[in-house]
Amino acid sequence: MAPEPQLDWIMAGLDAAGVAVFAASGALAASRKQMDIVGFVLIATVTGIGGGTIRDLLLGIAPVFWITAPLYVVLCTCIAVLLFLAAPLLESRFRVLLWADAAGLAVFSVIGTERALAVGAPAVVAILMGMITATFGGLVRDVLCAEVPLILRREIYATAAAAGAVVYAGLAALGVARPATALAAFLAAFAIRAIGIWLGLSLPQYRARPGRDHSDRPPD
């Protein structure tokens, strides 16, 4: 199937949007930790480009995307400075962080899957790359900010990224036009994450059986 002429523009726009909202979530996390301007820029940048960097390294794409397009780093820096000035005006920075992260998650699940398919990766690998692109930046952000990563909390997070990646890979395999595929995948990922935030939903967790000793002692 020949690529649609507008696909590159759509993906480039989505990529910039994803970097921007993830950078914003990183800057908001820095604001909650009361970091200085250098901390804002660092956290915003690693959050914005972290997932895509890991994706490109795993796929053997060299150099990674932001080396040949340093405007991504400039974008992260500008957003960090802007939020350094504006964050004190936000009433609930954690809620804004959650929604910025949800938007970035949805965008990067699409971008990661598309990039992997474009270099000939199998669908299963492409879905995994979509999940990594969508979640790794937030994981690094939370670790650097000494927070429990969102991906490890009892809420729907990686599942939303997986859903977006699966929708994209599935529709692409069926030959659906890529702009429609990208939109459907974004909406699937964002809707699932949004429902999780609104309703506080989470996946079932492991529960130990009562009356058993569940310490780390090795069995007899």
N, C-alpha and C. Protein backbone atom coordinates (compact mmCIF):
# COMPACT_ATOMS: atom_id res chain seq x y z
N MET A 1 0.84 -1.19 0.00
CA MET A 1 0.00 0.00 0.00
C MET A 1 0.88 1.24 0.00
N ALA A 2 0.65 2.13 -0.96
CA ALA A 2 1.44 3.35 -1.06
C ALA A 2 1.07 4.30 0.07
N PRO A 3 2.05 4.97 0.66
CA PRO A 3 1.74 5.88 1.75
C PRO A 3 0.96 7.09 1.27
N GLU A 4 0.04 7.57 2.06
CA GLU A 4 -0.72 8.75 1.72
C GLU A 4 0.17 9.98 1.81
N PRO A 5 0.02 10.94 0.86
CA PRO A 5 0.88 12.12 0.86
C PRO A 5 0.82 12.89 2.18
N GLN A 6 -0.36 12.91 2.81
CA GLN A 6 -0.50 13.71 4.02
C GLN A 6 -0.03 13.00 5.28
N LEU A 7 0.37 11.72 5.16
CA LEU A 7 0.71 10.95 6.36
C LEU A 7 1.91 11.54 7.09
N ASP A 8 2.95 11.91 6.34
CA ASP A 8 4.15 12.46 6.99
C ASP A 8 3.83 13.71 7.77
N TRP A 9 2.96 14.56 7.22
CA TRP A 9 2.59 15.79 7.92
C TRP A 9 1.80 15.47 9.18
N ILE A 10 0.90 14.52 9.08
CA ILE A 10 0.09 14.15 10.24
C ILE A 10 0.97 13.57 11.34
N MET A 11 1.88 12.66 10.98
CA MET A 11 2.74 12.04 11.98
C MET A 11 3.71 13.05 12.59
N ALA A 12 4.22 13.96 11.76
CA ALA A 12 5.12 14.98 12.29
C ALA A 12 4.38 15.88 13.28
N GLY A 13 3.14 16.23 12.95
CA GLY A 13 2.35 17.04 13.86
C GLY A 13 2.04 16.31 15.15
N LEU A 14 1.68 15.03 15.04
CA LEU A 14 1.41 14.24 16.23
C LEU A 14 2.65 14.08 17.09
N ASP A 15 3.79 13.87 16.45
CA ASP A 15 5.03 13.70 17.18
C ASP A 15 5.37 14.96 17.98
N ALA A 16 5.26 16.11 17.33
CA ALA A 16 5.54 17.38 18.03
C ALA A 16 4.56 17.60 19.16
N ALA A 17 3.29 17.27 18.92
CA ALA A 17 2.28 17.43 19.97
C ALA A 17 2.56 16.51 21.14
N GLY A 18 2.95 15.26 20.84
CA GLY A 18 3.25 14.32 21.90
C GLY A 18 4.44 14.76 22.74
N VAL A 19 5.50 15.21 22.08
CA VAL A 19 6.66 15.72 22.80
C VAL A 19 6.27 16.90 23.67
N ALA A 20 5.43 17.80 23.12
CA ALA A 20 5.03 19.00 23.86
C ALA A 20 4.24 18.66 25.12
N VAL A 21 3.25 17.78 25.01
CA VAL A 21 2.42 17.50 26.18
C VAL A 21 3.17 16.66 27.21
N PHE A 22 4.05 15.78 26.75
CA PHE A 22 4.85 15.02 27.71
C PHE A 22 5.87 15.93 28.39
N ALA A 23 6.45 16.87 27.64
CA ALA A 23 7.36 17.84 28.25
C ALA A 23 6.61 18.67 29.29
N ALA A 24 5.37 19.03 28.98
CA ALA A 24 4.57 19.78 29.95
C ALA A 24 4.32 18.97 31.21
N SER A 25 4.06 17.67 31.03
CA SER A 25 3.83 16.84 32.21
C SER A 25 5.10 16.74 33.05
N GLY A 26 6.27 16.71 32.38
CA GLY A 26 7.53 16.68 33.10
C GLY A 26 7.77 17.97 33.86
N ALA A 27 7.48 19.10 33.22
CA ALA A 27 7.65 20.38 33.90
C ALA A 27 6.70 20.51 35.08
N LEU A 28 5.49 20.01 34.94
CA LEU A 28 4.54 20.07 36.06
C LEU A 28 5.00 19.19 37.22
N ALA A 29 5.58 18.04 36.89
CA ALA A 29 6.13 17.19 37.95
C ALA A 29 7.28 17.90 38.66
N ALA A 30 8.11 18.62 37.90
CA ALA A 30 9.20 19.40 38.50
C ALA A 30 8.66 20.50 39.40
N SER A 31 7.55 21.09 38.99
CA SER A 31 6.96 22.16 39.81
C SER A 31 6.45 21.61 41.14
N ARG A 32 5.91 20.41 41.13
CA ARG A 32 5.42 19.81 42.37
C ARG A 32 6.57 19.50 43.32
N LYS A 33 7.77 19.29 42.77
CA LYS A 33 8.96 19.04 43.59
C LYS A 33 9.74 20.33 43.87
N GLN A 34 9.20 21.47 43.41
CA GLN A 34 9.81 22.78 43.65
C GLN A 34 11.26 22.84 43.17
N MET A 35 11.49 22.36 41.95
CA MET A 35 12.83 22.40 41.36
C MET A 35 13.13 23.78 40.80
N ASP A 36 14.42 24.01 40.50
CA ASP A 36 14.80 25.26 39.86
C ASP A 36 14.62 25.13 38.35
N ILE A 37 14.98 26.18 37.61
CA ILE A 37 14.73 26.21 36.17
C ILE A 37 15.50 25.10 35.45
N VAL A 38 16.71 24.77 35.95
CA VAL A 38 17.48 23.69 35.33
C VAL A 38 16.75 22.35 35.51
N GLY A 39 16.20 22.14 36.70
CA GLY A 39 15.43 20.92 36.94
C GLY A 39 14.22 20.83 36.03
N PHE A 40 13.54 21.96 35.84
CA PHE A 40 12.39 21.99 34.94
C PHE A 40 12.79 21.54 33.54
N VAL A 41 13.88 22.12 33.03
CA VAL A 41 14.31 21.81 31.66
C VAL A 41 14.72 20.34 31.55
N LEU A 42 15.46 19.85 32.54
CA LEU A 42 15.92 18.46 32.51
C LEU A 42 14.75 17.48 32.52
N ILE A 43 13.83 17.66 33.47
CA ILE A 43 12.71 16.72 33.58
C ILE A 43 11.79 16.81 32.36
N ALA A 44 11.54 18.03 31.89
CA ALA A 44 10.69 18.19 30.70
C ALA A 44 11.31 17.52 29.49
N THR A 45 12.62 17.65 29.33
CA THR A 45 13.28 17.11 28.13
C THR A 45 13.32 15.59 28.15
N VAL A 46 13.73 15.00 29.28
CA VAL A 46 13.79 13.54 29.31
C VAL A 46 12.40 12.93 29.21
N THR A 47 11.38 13.63 29.70
CA THR A 47 10.02 13.12 29.57
C THR A 47 9.54 13.21 28.13
N GLY A 48 9.86 14.33 27.48
CA GLY A 48 9.39 14.54 26.11
C GLY A 48 10.02 13.62 25.09
N ILE A 49 11.33 13.35 25.24
CA ILE A 49 12.03 12.57 24.20
C ILE A 49 12.47 11.19 24.67
N GLY A 50 12.24 10.86 25.95
CA GLY A 50 12.75 9.60 26.48
C GLY A 50 12.19 8.36 25.80
N GLY A 51 10.87 8.29 25.64
CA GLY A 51 10.26 7.11 25.04
C GLY A 51 10.69 6.91 23.60
N GLY A 52 10.72 7.99 22.83
CA GLY A 52 11.15 7.88 21.44
C GLY A 52 12.60 7.49 21.30
N THR A 53 13.44 7.93 22.25
CA THR A 53 14.85 7.58 22.23
C THR A 53 15.04 6.07 22.41
N ILE A 54 14.36 5.51 23.41
CA ILE A 54 14.46 4.07 23.64
C ILE A 54 13.92 3.30 22.43
N ARG A 55 12.81 3.76 21.87
CA ARG A 55 12.23 3.10 20.68
C ARG A 55 13.23 3.05 19.54
N ASP A 56 13.85 4.19 19.22
CA ASP A 56 14.78 4.23 18.10
C ASP A 56 16.01 3.36 18.36
N LEU A 57 16.49 3.35 19.60
CA LEU A 57 17.64 2.51 19.92
C LEU A 57 17.31 1.03 19.76
N LEU A 58 16.14 0.62 20.23
CA LEU A 58 15.74 -0.78 20.12
C LEU A 58 15.51 -1.21 18.67
N LEU A 59 15.02 -0.27 17.86
CA LEU A 59 14.75 -0.58 16.46
C LEU A 59 15.99 -0.42 15.57
N GLY A 60 17.09 0.05 16.16
CA GLY A 60 18.31 0.23 15.37
C GLY A 60 18.26 1.43 14.47
N ILE A 61 17.43 2.42 14.78
CA ILE A 61 17.35 3.65 14.00
C ILE A 61 18.42 4.61 14.51
N ALA A 62 19.37 4.94 13.64
CA ALA A 62 20.47 5.81 14.07
C ALA A 62 20.66 6.92 13.02
N PRO A 63 20.89 8.15 13.50
CA PRO A 63 20.80 8.57 14.90
C PRO A 63 19.35 8.66 15.35
N VAL A 64 19.13 8.72 16.67
CA VAL A 64 17.77 8.82 17.18
C VAL A 64 17.14 10.13 16.73
N PHE A 65 15.83 10.19 16.77
CA PHE A 65 15.08 11.24 16.08
C PHE A 65 15.49 12.66 16.46
N TRP A 66 15.79 12.93 17.73
CA TRP A 66 16.04 14.31 18.13
C TRP A 66 17.45 14.77 17.80
N ILE A 67 18.33 13.85 17.43
CA ILE A 67 19.68 14.24 17.01
C ILE A 67 19.61 14.96 15.66
N THR A 68 18.78 14.44 14.77
CA THR A 68 18.64 15.07 13.45
C THR A 68 17.58 16.17 13.45
N ALA A 69 16.80 16.26 14.50
CA ALA A 69 15.77 17.31 14.61
C ALA A 69 15.85 17.93 16.00
N PRO A 70 16.90 18.74 16.27
CA PRO A 70 17.10 19.30 17.62
C PRO A 70 16.00 20.26 18.05
N LEU A 71 15.10 20.62 17.14
CA LEU A 71 13.99 21.48 17.54
C LEU A 71 13.11 20.82 18.60
N TYR A 72 13.14 19.48 18.67
CA TYR A 72 12.40 18.80 19.74
C TYR A 72 12.95 19.18 21.11
N VAL A 73 14.26 19.27 21.22
CA VAL A 73 14.87 19.68 22.49
C VAL A 73 14.55 21.14 22.78
N VAL A 74 14.59 21.97 21.75
CA VAL A 74 14.23 23.38 21.92
C VAL A 74 12.78 23.50 22.39
N LEU A 75 11.89 22.69 21.81
CA LEU A 75 10.49 22.71 22.20
C LEU A 75 10.33 22.35 23.66
N CYS A 76 11.01 21.30 24.10
CA CYS A 76 10.94 20.90 25.51
C CYS A 76 11.44 22.01 26.43
N THR A 77 12.52 22.66 26.02
CA THR A 77 13.10 23.74 26.82
C THR A 77 12.14 24.91 26.94
N CYS A 78 11.52 25.28 25.83
CA CYS A 78 10.58 26.41 25.84
C CYS A 78 9.38 26.12 26.73
N ILE A 79 8.86 24.90 26.65
CA ILE A 79 7.72 24.54 27.49
C ILE A 79 8.11 24.53 28.96
N ALA A 80 9.33 24.06 29.26
CA ALA A 80 9.80 24.04 30.64
C ALA A 80 9.88 25.46 31.20
N VAL A 81 10.43 26.38 30.43
CA VAL A 81 10.55 27.78 30.89
C VAL A 81 9.17 28.40 31.06
N LEU A 82 8.28 28.15 30.10
CA LEU A 82 6.93 28.69 30.19
C LEU A 82 6.22 28.21 31.45
N LEU A 83 6.32 26.92 31.73
CA LEU A 83 5.63 26.39 32.90
C LEU A 83 6.34 26.74 34.20
N PHE A 84 7.64 27.01 34.14
CA PHE A 84 8.33 27.52 35.32
C PHE A 84 7.70 28.84 35.77
N LEU A 85 7.26 29.64 34.80
CA LEU A 85 6.62 30.91 35.10
C LEU A 85 5.13 30.77 35.39
N ALA A 86 4.49 29.81 34.71
CA ALA A 86 3.03 29.72 34.80
C ALA A 86 2.51 28.70 35.80
N ALA A 87 3.31 27.72 36.19
CA ALA A 87 2.83 26.66 37.06
C ALA A 87 2.22 27.16 38.37
N PRO A 88 2.77 28.22 39.00
CA PRO A 88 2.15 28.69 40.25
C PRO A 88 0.72 29.18 40.08
N LEU A 89 0.31 29.47 38.85
CA LEU A 89 -1.05 29.95 38.60
C LEU A 89 -2.05 28.82 38.45
N LEU A 90 -1.56 27.58 38.30
CA LEU A 90 -2.46 26.45 38.11
C LEU A 90 -3.01 26.00 39.46
N GLU A 91 -4.32 25.79 39.50
CA GLU A 91 -4.97 25.45 40.76
C GLU A 91 -4.66 24.03 41.20
N SER A 92 -4.66 23.09 40.25
CA SER A 92 -4.39 21.69 40.60
C SER A 92 -3.39 21.13 39.60
N ARG A 93 -2.12 21.22 39.95
CA ARG A 93 -1.08 20.81 39.02
C ARG A 93 -1.09 19.30 38.79
N PHE A 94 -1.46 18.53 39.80
CA PHE A 94 -1.46 17.08 39.61
C PHE A 94 -2.53 16.66 38.61
N ARG A 95 -3.71 17.26 38.67
CA ARG A 95 -4.75 16.92 37.70
C ARG A 95 -4.33 17.32 36.29
N VAL A 96 -3.73 18.50 36.15
CA VAL A 96 -3.25 18.92 34.83
C VAL A 96 -2.17 17.96 34.34
N LEU A 97 -1.29 17.55 35.25
CA LEU A 97 -0.24 16.59 34.89
C LEU A 97 -0.85 15.29 34.38
N LEU A 98 -1.88 14.79 35.08
CA LEU A 98 -2.52 13.54 34.66
C LEU A 98 -3.08 13.63 33.25
N TRP A 99 -3.75 14.76 32.94
CA TRP A 99 -4.37 14.89 31.62
C TRP A 99 -3.33 15.14 30.53
N ALA A 100 -2.27 15.90 30.85
CA ALA A 100 -1.20 16.08 29.88
C ALA A 100 -0.53 14.75 29.59
N ASP A 101 -0.32 13.97 30.63
CA ASP A 101 0.29 12.65 30.47
C ASP A 101 -0.62 11.74 29.65
N ALA A 102 -1.93 11.82 29.86
CA ALA A 102 -2.87 10.98 29.11
C ALA A 102 -2.83 11.31 27.62
N ALA A 103 -2.76 12.61 27.30
CA ALA A 103 -2.69 13.01 25.89
C ALA A 103 -1.38 12.53 25.27
N GLY A 104 -0.27 12.71 25.99
CA GLY A 104 1.01 12.24 25.47
C GLY A 104 1.04 10.73 25.29
N LEU A 105 0.47 10.01 26.24
CA LEU A 105 0.39 8.56 26.15
C LEU A 105 -0.31 8.12 24.88
N ALA A 106 -1.45 8.75 24.59
CA ALA A 106 -2.23 8.38 23.42
C ALA A 106 -1.48 8.69 22.12
N VAL A 107 -0.88 9.88 22.07
CA VAL A 107 -0.14 10.27 20.86
C VAL A 107 1.04 9.34 20.62
N PHE A 108 1.81 9.06 21.66
CA PHE A 108 3.02 8.27 21.47
C PHE A 108 2.74 6.80 21.23
N SER A 109 1.58 6.30 21.67
CA SER A 109 1.23 4.93 21.32
C SER A 109 1.04 4.80 19.81
N VAL A 110 0.52 5.86 19.19
CA VAL A 110 0.36 5.89 17.73
C VAL A 110 1.71 6.04 17.05
N ILE A 111 2.49 7.03 17.49
CA ILE A 111 3.77 7.33 16.85
C ILE A 111 4.72 6.14 16.94
N GLY A 112 4.81 5.54 18.12
CA GLY A 112 5.72 4.41 18.29
C GLY A 112 5.37 3.23 17.40
N THR A 113 4.08 2.94 17.31
CA THR A 113 3.64 1.82 16.47
C THR A 113 3.91 2.11 15.00
N GLU A 114 3.61 3.32 14.58
CA GLU A 114 3.84 3.70 13.18
C GLU A 114 5.32 3.64 12.81
N ARG A 115 6.19 4.15 13.67
CA ARG A 115 7.62 4.13 13.38
C ARG A 115 8.12 2.70 13.23
N ALA A 116 7.66 1.82 14.11
CA ALA A 116 8.10 0.43 14.05
C ALA A 116 7.61 -0.24 12.77
N LEU A 117 6.35 -0.02 12.42
CA LEU A 117 5.84 -0.61 11.18
C LEU A 117 6.56 -0.06 9.97
N ALA A 118 6.95 1.21 10.02
CA ALA A 118 7.61 1.84 8.88
C ALA A 118 8.97 1.24 8.59
N VAL A 119 9.63 0.69 9.61
CA VAL A 119 10.95 0.06 9.39
C VAL A 119 10.83 -1.45 9.23
N GLY A 120 9.60 -1.94 9.07
CA GLY A 120 9.40 -3.35 8.78
C GLY A 120 9.30 -4.27 9.97
N ALA A 121 9.06 -3.74 11.16
CA ALA A 121 8.93 -4.58 12.34
C ALA A 121 7.62 -5.36 12.28
N PRO A 122 7.58 -6.60 12.79
CA PRO A 122 6.32 -7.35 12.86
C PRO A 122 5.31 -6.61 13.73
N ALA A 123 4.04 -6.93 13.56
CA ALA A 123 2.97 -6.22 14.27
C ALA A 123 3.15 -6.31 15.79
N VAL A 124 3.53 -7.50 16.28
CA VAL A 124 3.68 -7.65 17.73
C VAL A 124 4.79 -6.74 18.26
N VAL A 125 5.89 -6.67 17.53
CA VAL A 125 6.99 -5.79 17.93
C VAL A 125 6.55 -4.33 17.84
N ALA A 126 5.81 -3.99 16.80
CA ALA A 126 5.33 -2.62 16.64
C ALA A 126 4.43 -2.21 17.80
N ILE A 127 3.58 -3.12 18.24
CA ILE A 127 2.70 -2.82 19.39
C ILE A 127 3.55 -2.59 20.64
N LEU A 128 4.56 -3.42 20.84
CA LEU A 128 5.45 -3.24 22.00
C LEU A 128 6.18 -1.91 21.91
N MET A 129 6.62 -1.52 20.73
CA MET A 129 7.30 -0.24 20.56
C MET A 129 6.35 0.93 20.84
N GLY A 130 5.09 0.76 20.47
CA GLY A 130 4.11 1.78 20.79
C GLY A 130 3.95 1.96 22.29
N MET A 131 3.92 0.85 23.00
CA MET A 131 3.79 0.91 24.46
C MET A 131 5.04 1.53 25.10
N ILE A 132 6.21 1.15 24.61
CA ILE A 132 7.45 1.70 25.17
C ILE A 132 7.53 3.20 24.91
N THR A 133 7.22 3.62 23.70
CA THR A 133 7.26 5.04 23.38
C THR A 133 6.30 5.83 24.27
N ALA A 134 5.15 5.23 24.54
CA ALA A 134 4.11 5.93 25.30
C ALA A 134 4.38 5.98 26.80
N THR A 135 5.15 5.04 27.31
CA THR A 135 5.25 4.93 28.77
C THR A 135 6.63 5.24 29.34
N PHE A 136 7.69 5.12 28.53
CA PHE A 136 9.02 5.21 29.11
C PHE A 136 9.36 6.63 29.57
N GLY A 137 8.93 7.64 28.81
CA GLY A 137 9.21 9.01 29.23
C GLY A 137 8.60 9.33 30.58
N GLY A 138 7.35 8.91 30.78
CA GLY A 138 6.69 9.12 32.06
C GLY A 138 7.34 8.32 33.18
N LEU A 139 7.84 7.13 32.84
CA LEU A 139 8.52 6.31 33.84
C LEU A 139 9.79 7.00 34.34
N VAL A 140 10.59 7.52 33.41
CA VAL A 140 11.82 8.22 33.79
C VAL A 140 11.48 9.48 34.58
N ARG A 141 10.47 10.20 34.15
CA ARG A 141 10.04 11.41 34.88
C ARG A 141 9.73 11.10 36.33
N ASP A 142 8.93 10.06 36.55
CA ASP A 142 8.51 9.74 37.91
C ASP A 142 9.67 9.25 38.76
N VAL A 143 10.58 8.47 38.16
CA VAL A 143 11.74 7.99 38.90
C VAL A 143 12.63 9.16 39.31
N LEU A 144 12.89 10.08 38.39
CA LEU A 144 13.73 11.24 38.70
C LEU A 144 13.09 12.15 39.74
N CYS A 145 11.76 12.16 39.77
CA CYS A 145 11.05 12.99 40.75
C CYS A 145 10.72 12.23 42.03
N ALA A 146 11.28 11.03 42.18
CA ALA A 146 11.08 10.21 43.39
C ALA A 146 9.61 9.93 43.65
N GLU A 147 8.87 9.64 42.56
CA GLU A 147 7.46 9.28 42.66
C GLU A 147 7.29 7.83 42.22
N VAL A 148 6.24 7.18 42.73
CA VAL A 148 5.89 5.86 42.21
C VAL A 148 5.42 6.04 40.77
N PRO A 149 6.08 5.40 39.79
CA PRO A 149 5.69 5.60 38.39
C PRO A 149 4.21 5.28 38.15
N LEU A 150 3.58 6.10 37.30
CA LEU A 150 2.18 5.88 36.99
C LEU A 150 1.93 4.48 36.45
N ILE A 151 2.91 3.95 35.70
CA ILE A 151 2.73 2.63 35.10
C ILE A 151 2.66 1.53 36.16
N LEU A 152 3.18 1.79 37.36
CA LEU A 152 3.17 0.79 38.43
C LEU A 152 2.05 1.00 39.43
N ARG A 153 1.25 2.05 39.24
CA ARG A 153 0.17 2.30 40.18
C ARG A 153 -1.06 1.48 39.80
N ARG A 154 -2.01 1.43 40.73
CA ARG A 154 -3.22 0.65 40.49
C ARG A 154 -4.22 1.45 39.65
N GLU A 155 -3.87 1.73 38.44
CA GLU A 155 -4.78 2.42 37.54
C GLU A 155 -4.46 2.00 36.11
N ILE A 156 -5.41 2.27 35.22
CA ILE A 156 -5.24 1.86 33.83
C ILE A 156 -4.29 2.82 33.15
N TYR A 157 -3.14 2.31 32.72
CA TYR A 157 -2.11 3.16 32.12
C TYR A 157 -1.49 2.47 30.91
N ALA A 158 -0.67 1.46 31.18
CA ALA A 158 -0.06 0.72 30.07
C ALA A 158 -1.13 0.06 29.20
N THR A 159 -2.25 -0.32 29.82
CA THR A 159 -3.35 -0.93 29.07
C THR A 159 -3.87 0.02 28.00
N ALA A 160 -3.96 1.31 28.35
CA ALA A 160 -4.44 2.30 27.38
C ALA A 160 -3.45 2.43 26.22
N ALA A 161 -2.16 2.45 26.53
CA ALA A 161 -1.15 2.53 25.48
C ALA A 161 -1.22 1.29 24.58
N ALA A 162 -1.39 0.12 25.19
CA ALA A 162 -1.48 -1.11 24.42
C ALA A 162 -2.70 -1.09 23.50
N ALA A 163 -3.81 -0.56 24.01
CA ALA A 163 -5.03 -0.51 23.20
C ALA A 163 -4.83 0.36 21.96
N GLY A 164 -4.22 1.52 22.15
CA GLY A 164 -3.95 2.39 21.01
C GLY A 164 -3.03 1.73 20.00
N ALA A 165 -1.99 1.06 20.49
CA ALA A 165 -1.05 0.40 19.59
C ALA A 165 -1.71 -0.75 18.83
N VAL A 166 -2.55 -1.52 19.52
CA VAL A 166 -3.25 -2.63 18.87
C VAL A 166 -4.21 -2.12 17.81
N VAL A 167 -4.94 -1.07 18.12
CA VAL A 167 -5.87 -0.50 17.13
C VAL A 167 -5.11 -0.02 15.90
N TYR A 168 -3.99 0.65 16.12
CA TYR A 168 -3.23 1.15 14.96
C TYR A 168 -2.69 0.01 14.12
N ALA A 169 -2.05 -0.96 14.76
CA ALA A 169 -1.47 -2.08 14.01
C ALA A 169 -2.56 -2.88 13.29
N GLY A 170 -3.70 -3.07 13.97
CA GLY A 170 -4.79 -3.84 13.36
C GLY A 170 -5.40 -3.15 12.15
N LEU A 171 -5.69 -1.86 12.28
CA LEU A 171 -6.28 -1.13 11.17
C LEU A 171 -5.30 -0.96 10.01
N ALA A 172 -4.02 -0.78 10.35
CA ALA A 172 -3.01 -0.69 9.29
C ALA A 172 -2.93 -2.00 8.51
N ALA A 173 -3.03 -3.13 9.22
CA ALA A 173 -2.98 -4.43 8.55
C ALA A 173 -4.18 -4.64 7.64
N LEU A 174 -5.30 -4.02 8.00
CA LEU A 174 -6.51 -4.14 7.19
C LEU A 174 -6.53 -3.18 6.00
N GLY A 175 -5.52 -2.32 5.93
CA GLY A 175 -5.44 -1.39 4.81
C GLY A 175 -6.26 -0.13 4.98
N VAL A 176 -6.70 0.17 6.18
CA VAL A 176 -7.44 1.41 6.43
C VAL A 176 -6.51 2.59 6.22
N ALA A 177 -7.05 3.68 5.69
CA ALA A 177 -6.25 4.88 5.45
C ALA A 177 -5.53 5.30 6.73
N ARG A 178 -4.26 5.63 6.62
CA ARG A 178 -3.46 5.90 7.80
C ARG A 178 -3.95 7.09 8.63
N PRO A 179 -4.43 8.19 8.03
CA PRO A 179 -4.96 9.26 8.89
C PRO A 179 -6.11 8.79 9.78
N ALA A 180 -7.02 8.00 9.19
CA ALA A 180 -8.14 7.47 9.97
C ALA A 180 -7.64 6.48 11.02
N THR A 181 -6.63 5.69 10.65
CA THR A 181 -6.04 4.73 11.59
C THR A 181 -5.42 5.45 12.78
N ALA A 182 -4.67 6.51 12.50
CA ALA A 182 -4.03 7.27 13.57
C ALA A 182 -5.06 7.90 14.50
N LEU A 183 -6.12 8.45 13.92
CA LEU A 183 -7.15 9.08 14.74
C LEU A 183 -7.86 8.05 15.61
N ALA A 184 -8.22 6.90 15.03
CA ALA A 184 -8.91 5.86 15.79
C ALA A 184 -8.05 5.34 16.92
N ALA A 185 -6.75 5.15 16.66
CA ALA A 185 -5.85 4.64 17.69
C ALA A 185 -5.67 5.66 18.81
N PHE A 186 -5.52 6.93 18.44
CA PHE A 186 -5.40 7.98 19.47
C PHE A 186 -6.64 8.02 20.35
N LEU A 187 -7.80 8.00 19.73
CA LEU A 187 -9.05 8.09 20.50
C LEU A 187 -9.22 6.87 21.41
N ALA A 188 -8.82 5.70 20.93
CA ALA A 188 -8.94 4.49 21.75
C ALA A 188 -8.06 4.61 23.00
N ALA A 189 -6.80 4.98 22.80
CA ALA A 189 -5.89 5.09 23.94
C ALA A 189 -6.32 6.18 24.90
N PHE A 190 -6.68 7.34 24.37
CA PHE A 190 -7.04 8.47 25.24
C PHE A 190 -8.34 8.19 25.99
N ALA A 191 -9.31 7.59 25.30
CA ALA A 191 -10.59 7.31 25.95
C ALA A 191 -10.42 6.33 27.10
N ILE A 192 -9.63 5.29 26.90
CA ILE A 192 -9.44 4.31 27.97
C ILE A 192 -8.72 4.93 29.15
N ARG A 193 -7.70 5.73 28.87
CA ARG A 193 -6.98 6.41 29.96
C ARG A 193 -7.89 7.42 30.66
N ALA A 194 -8.70 8.14 29.89
CA ALA A 194 -9.59 9.14 30.47
C ALA A 194 -10.64 8.49 31.37
N ILE A 195 -11.19 7.39 30.94
CA ILE A 195 -12.17 6.67 31.76
C ILE A 195 -11.52 6.20 33.06
N GLY A 196 -10.28 5.72 32.95
CA GLY A 196 -9.57 5.30 34.14
C GLY A 196 -9.37 6.44 35.13
N ILE A 197 -9.05 7.64 34.61
CA ILE A 197 -8.85 8.80 35.48
C ILE A 197 -10.17 9.24 36.10
N TRP A 198 -11.20 9.35 35.28
CA TRP A 198 -12.50 9.84 35.77
C TRP A 198 -13.10 8.92 36.82
N LEU A 199 -13.08 7.62 36.54
CA LEU A 199 -13.76 6.67 37.40
C LEU A 199 -12.85 5.98 38.40
N GLY A 200 -11.55 6.26 38.32
CA GLY A 200 -10.62 5.62 39.25
C GLY A 200 -10.53 4.12 39.04
N LEU A 201 -10.67 3.67 37.80
CA LEU A 201 -10.65 2.23 37.52
C LEU A 201 -9.22 1.70 37.56
N SER A 202 -9.09 0.43 37.85
CA SER A 202 -7.80 -0.23 37.84
C SER A 202 -7.99 -1.69 37.47
N LEU A 203 -6.92 -2.32 37.02
CA LEU A 203 -6.98 -3.74 36.72
C LEU A 203 -6.99 -4.54 38.03
N PRO A 204 -7.53 -5.75 37.99
CA PRO A 204 -7.52 -6.58 39.21
C PRO A 204 -6.09 -6.81 39.70
N GLN A 205 -5.90 -6.76 40.99
CA GLN A 205 -4.57 -6.98 41.53
C GLN A 205 -4.47 -8.36 42.17
N TYR A 206 -3.25 -8.83 42.34
CA TYR A 206 -3.02 -10.12 42.98
C TYR A 206 -3.42 -10.03 44.45
N ARG A 207 -4.15 -11.01 44.91
CA ARG A 207 -4.54 -11.07 46.31
C ARG A 207 -4.11 -12.41 46.88
N ALA A 208 -3.37 -12.37 47.96
CA ALA A 208 -2.91 -13.60 48.60
C ALA A 208 -4.09 -14.34 49.21
N ARG A 209 -4.01 -15.68 49.21
CA ARG A 209 -5.05 -16.49 49.84
C ARG A 209 -4.96 -16.37 51.35
N PRO A 210 -6.09 -16.20 52.03
CA PRO A 210 -6.05 -16.05 53.49
C PRO A 210 -5.56 -17.33 54.17
N GLY A 211 -4.94 -17.14 55.32
CA GLY A 211 -4.52 -18.29 56.11
C GLY A 211 -3.22 -18.91 55.67
N ARG A 212 -2.51 -18.23 54.74
CA ARG A 212 -1.23 -18.76 54.26
C ARG A 212 -0.11 -17.83 54.68
N ASP A 213 1.08 -18.39 54.90
CA ASP A 213 2.25 -17.59 55.20
C ASP A 213 2.87 -17.14 53.89
N HIS A 214 2.79 -15.85 53.60
CA HIS A 214 3.27 -15.33 52.32
C HIS A 214 4.55 -14.54 52.48
N SER A 215 5.36 -14.89 53.44
CA SER A 215 6.64 -14.22 53.58
C SER A 215 7.58 -14.69 52.48
N ASP A 216 8.77 -14.09 52.46
CA ASP A 216 9.75 -14.44 51.44
C ASP A 216 10.55 -15.67 51.81
N ARG A 217 10.12 -16.39 52.86
CA ARG A 217 10.83 -17.59 53.27
C ARG A 217 10.70 -18.65 52.20
N PRO A 218 11.84 -19.28 51.81
CA PRO A 218 11.75 -20.31 50.76
C PRO A 218 10.98 -21.52 51.25
N PRO A 219 10.34 -22.24 50.34
CA PRO A 219 9.56 -23.43 50.75
C PRO A 219 10.46 -24.49 51.35
N ASP A 220 9.84 -25.33 52.23
CA ASP A 220 10.59 -26.43 52.82
C ASP A 220 10.92 -27.49 51.78
